[in-house]
């Protein structure tokens, strides 16, 4: 993400903490505010299926003992866009401090291919696997820094 939209704090947001039980296949644990989830993701970059299961705090805490990666901590802002779409702008903390990304979920790949992003989105990193949160949890931002040289 090149820059944050003006008045970012006016948008709905969530505090997210997540880590991975496995990255191949991708099995993620996430706490979003006071909600807990286990997510299984298929492989892919532009499009991939995911199945999400709600957890209790107790289930989450028990499974958290199984994580194999570093923790990713971020604030996610939900920013309305044209055509009923929503930008999910993430501001990262801790070892990922300074990183900002934005993602939009589309109904299909055709909609994604025809999307005209706002200027504040910056460089498209859809096809760079280093920006996947699972890779950020393993490698941090060092691979991103090296790939931009």
Protein backbone atom coordinates (compact mmCIF):
# COMPACT_ATOMS: atom_id res chain seq x y z
CA UNK A 1 0.00 0.00 0.00
CA UNK A 2 1.42 3.37 -1.02
CA UNK A 3 -0.36 5.45 1.63
CA UNK A 4 -3.32 5.37 3.97
CA UNK A 5 -6.61 6.94 2.95
CA UNK A 6 -7.46 10.21 4.65
CA UNK A 7 -9.14 9.91 8.05
CA UNK A 8 -8.38 6.17 8.33
CA UNK A 9 -9.72 6.06 11.89
CA UNK A 10 -13.26 6.78 10.70
CA UNK A 11 -13.53 3.30 9.19
CA UNK A 12 -14.57 0.12 10.94
CA UNK A 13 -11.51 -1.86 11.99
CA UNK A 14 -10.40 -4.98 13.84
CA UNK A 15 -7.32 -5.88 15.84
CA UNK A 16 -5.97 -9.17 14.47
CA UNK A 17 -3.45 -11.63 15.87
CA UNK A 18 -2.74 -14.72 13.81
CA UNK A 19 -0.24 -17.53 13.31
CA UNK A 20 -0.08 -20.81 11.42
CA UNK A 21 -0.32 -24.40 12.55
CA UNK A 22 0.84 -25.35 9.06
CA UNK A 23 1.77 -23.47 5.89
CA UNK A 24 1.53 -26.49 3.57
CA UNK A 25 -1.40 -26.97 3.67
CA UNK A 26 -2.24 -23.53 5.04
CA UNK A 27 -3.96 -23.81 8.42
CA UNK A 28 -4.28 -20.48 10.20
CA UNK A 29 -5.43 -19.48 13.68
CA UNK A 30 -6.79 -15.96 14.01
CA UNK A 31 -8.18 -13.79 16.76
CA UNK A 32 -10.05 -10.81 15.37
CA UNK A 33 -11.06 -8.60 18.30
CA UNK A 34 -12.91 -11.14 20.50
CA UNK A 35 -13.70 -13.64 17.73
CA UNK A 36 -11.63 -16.78 17.12
CA UNK A 37 -11.19 -18.75 13.90
CA UNK A 38 -9.38 -21.67 12.32
CA UNK A 39 -9.02 -21.28 8.56
CA UNK A 40 -7.89 -23.82 5.97
CA UNK A 41 -6.75 -22.30 2.66
CA UNK A 42 -6.11 -23.83 -0.74
CA UNK A 43 -2.95 -22.89 -2.65
CA UNK A 44 -2.92 -19.96 -5.06
CA UNK A 45 -2.29 -16.22 -5.29
CA UNK A 46 -5.11 -14.38 -7.11
CA UNK A 47 -7.87 -16.85 -6.28
CA UNK A 48 -8.04 -19.55 -3.67
CA UNK A 49 -10.72 -21.23 -1.64
CA UNK A 50 -10.77 -21.03 2.11
CA UNK A 51 -12.89 -22.67 4.76
CA UNK A 52 -13.27 -20.93 8.09
CA UNK A 53 -14.43 -22.41 11.38
CA UNK A 54 -15.48 -20.36 14.41
CA UNK A 55 -13.76 -21.39 17.65
CA UNK A 56 -14.31 -20.73 21.31
CA UNK A 57 -11.55 -18.93 23.19
CA UNK A 58 -10.72 -22.20 24.93
CA UNK A 59 -10.40 -24.09 21.62
CA UNK A 60 -8.29 -21.26 20.19
CA UNK A 61 -5.98 -21.22 23.23
CA UNK A 62 -5.53 -24.99 23.03
CA UNK A 63 -4.73 -24.91 19.30
CA UNK A 64 -2.43 -21.88 19.72
CA UNK A 65 0.03 -24.21 21.44
CA UNK A 66 0.45 -25.94 18.05
CA UNK A 67 1.54 -22.91 15.98
CA UNK A 68 4.69 -23.33 13.91
CA UNK A 69 5.26 -19.73 12.83
CA UNK A 70 5.83 -16.30 14.25
CA UNK A 71 2.79 -14.26 15.20
CA UNK A 72 1.42 -11.64 12.82
CA UNK A 73 -0.25 -8.69 14.54
CA UNK A 74 -2.10 -6.03 12.57
CA UNK A 75 -5.01 -3.62 12.49
CA UNK A 76 -7.38 -4.20 9.58
CA UNK A 77 -9.47 -1.28 8.32
CA UNK A 78 -12.58 -1.96 6.20
CA UNK A 79 -12.82 0.81 3.58
CA UNK A 80 -15.83 0.95 1.25
CA UNK A 81 -15.04 1.14 -2.48
CA UNK A 82 -17.08 1.46 -5.66
CA UNK A 83 -19.42 -1.34 -6.80
CA UNK A 84 -20.04 -2.54 -3.23
CA UNK A 85 -16.45 -3.71 -2.79
CA UNK A 86 -14.42 -3.31 0.40
CA UNK A 87 -10.70 -2.66 0.75
CA UNK A 88 -9.13 -4.44 3.71
CA UNK A 89 -6.17 -2.26 4.62
CA UNK A 90 -3.73 -3.89 7.05
CA UNK A 91 -1.21 -2.02 9.18
CA UNK A 92 1.32 -4.42 10.70
CA UNK A 93 3.17 -4.25 14.03
CA UNK A 94 6.09 -5.84 15.87
CA UNK A 95 8.60 -7.47 13.46
CA UNK A 96 6.50 -6.32 10.51
CA UNK A 97 6.33 -2.68 11.67
CA UNK A 98 6.12 -0.31 8.71
CA UNK A 99 4.42 -2.78 6.37
CA UNK A 100 0.99 -1.86 5.02
CA UNK A 101 -1.01 -3.96 2.59
CA UNK A 102 -4.46 -3.77 1.08
CA UNK A 103 -6.64 -6.55 -0.30
CA UNK A 104 -10.01 -6.69 -2.03
CA UNK A 105 -12.10 -9.83 -2.28
CA UNK A 106 -13.96 -10.24 -5.55
CA UNK A 107 -16.87 -12.43 -6.59
CA UNK A 108 -14.79 -13.93 -9.44
CA UNK A 109 -11.48 -13.53 -11.28
CA UNK A 110 -13.06 -11.46 -14.08
CA UNK A 111 -14.14 -8.83 -11.56
CA UNK A 112 -10.60 -8.84 -10.13
CA UNK A 113 -9.01 -8.41 -13.56
CA UNK A 114 -11.20 -5.39 -14.37
CA UNK A 115 -10.75 -3.65 -11.01
CA UNK A 116 -9.31 -0.14 -11.15
CA UNK A 117 -7.67 0.43 -7.74
CA UNK A 118 -7.60 3.81 -6.00
CA UNK A 119 -4.28 5.68 -6.18
CA UNK A 120 -3.47 4.94 -2.52
CA UNK A 121 -3.21 1.18 -3.19
CA UNK A 122 0.31 1.50 -4.57
CA UNK A 123 2.14 -1.41 -6.25
CA UNK A 124 0.16 -4.59 -6.94
CA UNK A 125 1.79 -7.51 -5.08
CA UNK A 126 -0.91 -10.09 -5.82
CA UNK A 127 1.54 -12.42 -7.54
CA UNK A 128 4.40 -12.00 -5.06
CA UNK A 129 4.15 -14.90 -2.57
CA UNK A 130 6.39 -13.04 -0.10
CA UNK A 131 3.38 -10.87 0.81
CA UNK A 132 1.19 -13.80 1.82
CA UNK A 133 0.62 -13.59 5.57
CA UNK A 134 1.84 -17.17 5.98
CA UNK A 135 5.18 -16.20 4.40
CA UNK A 136 5.34 -13.01 6.48
CA UNK A 137 4.84 -15.18 9.58
CA UNK A 138 7.80 -17.35 8.56
CA UNK A 139 10.20 -14.89 6.91
CA UNK A 140 9.16 -11.46 8.15
CA UNK A 141 9.83 -8.57 5.80
CA UNK A 142 13.43 -9.46 4.99
CA UNK A 143 12.50 -11.30 1.76
CA UNK A 144 10.31 -8.39 0.69
CA UNK A 145 13.16 -5.96 1.34
CA UNK A 146 15.59 -8.14 -0.65
CA UNK A 147 13.19 -8.66 -3.58
CA UNK A 148 12.74 -4.89 -4.01
CA UNK A 149 16.47 -4.21 -4.54
